[in-house]
Amino acid sequence: MCNACGYPARAGHWTDAGLDSPHDRLRARFRRAEVLARVLRPLGLTAHDDGVTDGMVLSTLSGASVIVTDPAQIWATIERLAGRAYDPLAG
């Protein structure tokens, strides 16, 4: 994390509401990736956020990867990588 510029960037998406410090925003990014990785495991997909890349990396077990920079695109990208429709609420 850059102390001079406050990376990661200032909150912009509604999921970052209430996160005022760069430390809080970075911690929230890591937590979202951790939860998403758990949800995606049955689909054979992984999610990772290294805190440096401008977005989350979604990957298949065969190695295909996509960086998703807009949280609104996560589920469409998951469906594309999984090769089928996926409803995260149909658990």
Protein backbone atom coordinates (compact mmCIF):
# COMPACT_ATOMS: atom_id res chain seq x y z
CA MET A 1 0.00 0.00 0.00
CA CYS A 2 1.28 3.46 -0.86
CA ASN A 3 1.18 5.88 2.07
CA ALA A 4 1.68 8.85 -0.24
CA CYS A 5 -1.17 8.26 -2.65
CA GLY A 6 -3.57 6.22 -0.52
CA TYR A 7 -3.65 3.18 -2.79
CA PRO A 8 -6.04 1.42 -3.18
CA ALA A 9 -8.06 4.17 -4.73
CA ARG A 10 -10.71 6.08 -2.84
CA ALA A 11 -13.98 4.24 -2.42
CA GLY A 12 -16.18 4.41 -5.49
CA HIS A 13 -18.36 1.30 -5.61
CA TRP A 14 -21.20 0.89 -3.11
CA THR A 15 -19.43 -2.12 -1.59
CA ASP A 16 -16.79 0.30 -0.28
CA ALA A 17 -19.30 2.53 1.53
CA GLY A 18 -18.04 3.56 4.95
CA LEU A 19 -14.43 2.57 4.30
CA ASP A 20 -12.51 5.78 4.81
CA SER A 21 -8.88 4.72 5.12
CA PRO A 22 -6.73 2.97 2.51
CA HIS A 23 -6.07 0.23 5.07
CA ASP A 24 -9.81 -0.43 5.49
CA ARG A 25 -10.40 -0.51 1.74
CA LEU A 26 -7.52 -2.93 1.20
CA ARG A 27 -8.72 -5.21 4.00
CA ALA A 28 -12.23 -5.23 2.52
CA ARG A 29 -10.84 -6.18 -0.89
CA PHE A 30 -8.97 -9.13 0.62
CA ARG A 31 -12.05 -10.24 2.55
CA ARG A 32 -14.28 -10.07 -0.56
CA ALA A 33 -11.78 -12.20 -2.51
CA GLU A 34 -11.62 -14.71 0.35
CA VAL A 35 -15.40 -15.08 0.51
CA LEU A 36 -15.73 -15.27 -3.28
CA ALA A 37 -13.01 -17.93 -3.49
CA ARG A 38 -15.00 -20.07 -1.07
CA VAL A 39 -18.21 -19.61 -3.10
CA LEU A 40 -16.45 -20.42 -6.39
CA ARG A 41 -14.64 -23.56 -5.24
CA PRO A 42 -17.50 -25.94 -6.27
CA LEU A 43 -17.41 -24.41 -9.77
CA GLY A 44 -13.70 -25.15 -10.16
CA LEU A 45 -12.85 -21.44 -10.09
CA THR A 46 -10.65 -19.34 -7.83
CA ALA A 47 -10.62 -15.67 -6.86
CA HIS A 48 -7.57 -13.74 -5.73
CA ASP A 49 -6.84 -10.11 -4.94
CA ASP A 50 -3.18 -9.29 -4.36
CA GLY A 51 -3.86 -5.68 -3.43
CA VAL A 52 -1.63 -4.45 -6.25
CA THR A 53 -3.55 -5.39 -9.38
CA ASP A 54 -6.41 -3.01 -10.07
CA GLY A 55 -9.10 -5.64 -9.57
CA MET A 56 -9.72 -9.24 -8.67
CA VAL A 57 -8.24 -12.16 -10.59
CA LEU A 58 -10.72 -14.94 -11.39
CA SER A 59 -9.17 -18.18 -12.64
CA THR A 60 -10.12 -21.66 -13.77
CA LEU A 61 -8.26 -24.72 -12.56
CA SER A 62 -6.82 -25.07 -16.09
CA GLY A 63 -5.16 -21.66 -15.80
CA ALA A 64 -7.42 -19.31 -17.73
CA SER A 65 -7.52 -16.00 -15.83
CA VAL A 66 -9.39 -12.72 -16.10
CA ILE A 67 -8.83 -9.53 -14.12
CA VAL A 68 -12.17 -8.02 -13.13
CA THR A 69 -11.86 -4.33 -12.27
CA ASP A 70 -15.56 -3.55 -11.94
CA PRO A 71 -17.44 -5.44 -9.18
CA ALA A 72 -20.58 -5.33 -11.34
CA GLN A 73 -18.85 -7.61 -13.89
CA ILE A 74 -17.83 -10.35 -11.46
CA TRP A 75 -20.86 -12.63 -11.96
CA ALA A 76 -20.86 -12.30 -15.77
CA THR A 77 -17.17 -13.18 -15.80
CA ILE A 78 -17.77 -16.16 -13.51
CA GLU A 79 -20.46 -17.47 -15.86
CA ARG A 80 -18.15 -17.05 -18.85
CA LEU A 81 -15.29 -18.90 -17.14
CA ALA A 82 -17.56 -21.65 -15.77
CA GLY A 83 -19.27 -22.07 -19.14
CA ARG A 84 -22.73 -22.01 -17.61
CA ALA A 85 -25.24 -19.78 -15.89
CA TYR A 86 -24.68 -19.37 -12.17
CA ASP A 87 -26.98 -17.96 -9.52
CA PRO A 88 -25.02 -17.16 -6.36
CA LEU A 89 -28.26 -17.12 -4.33
CA ALA A 90 -29.40 -20.57 -5.41
CA GLY A 91 -26.99 -22.25 -2.98
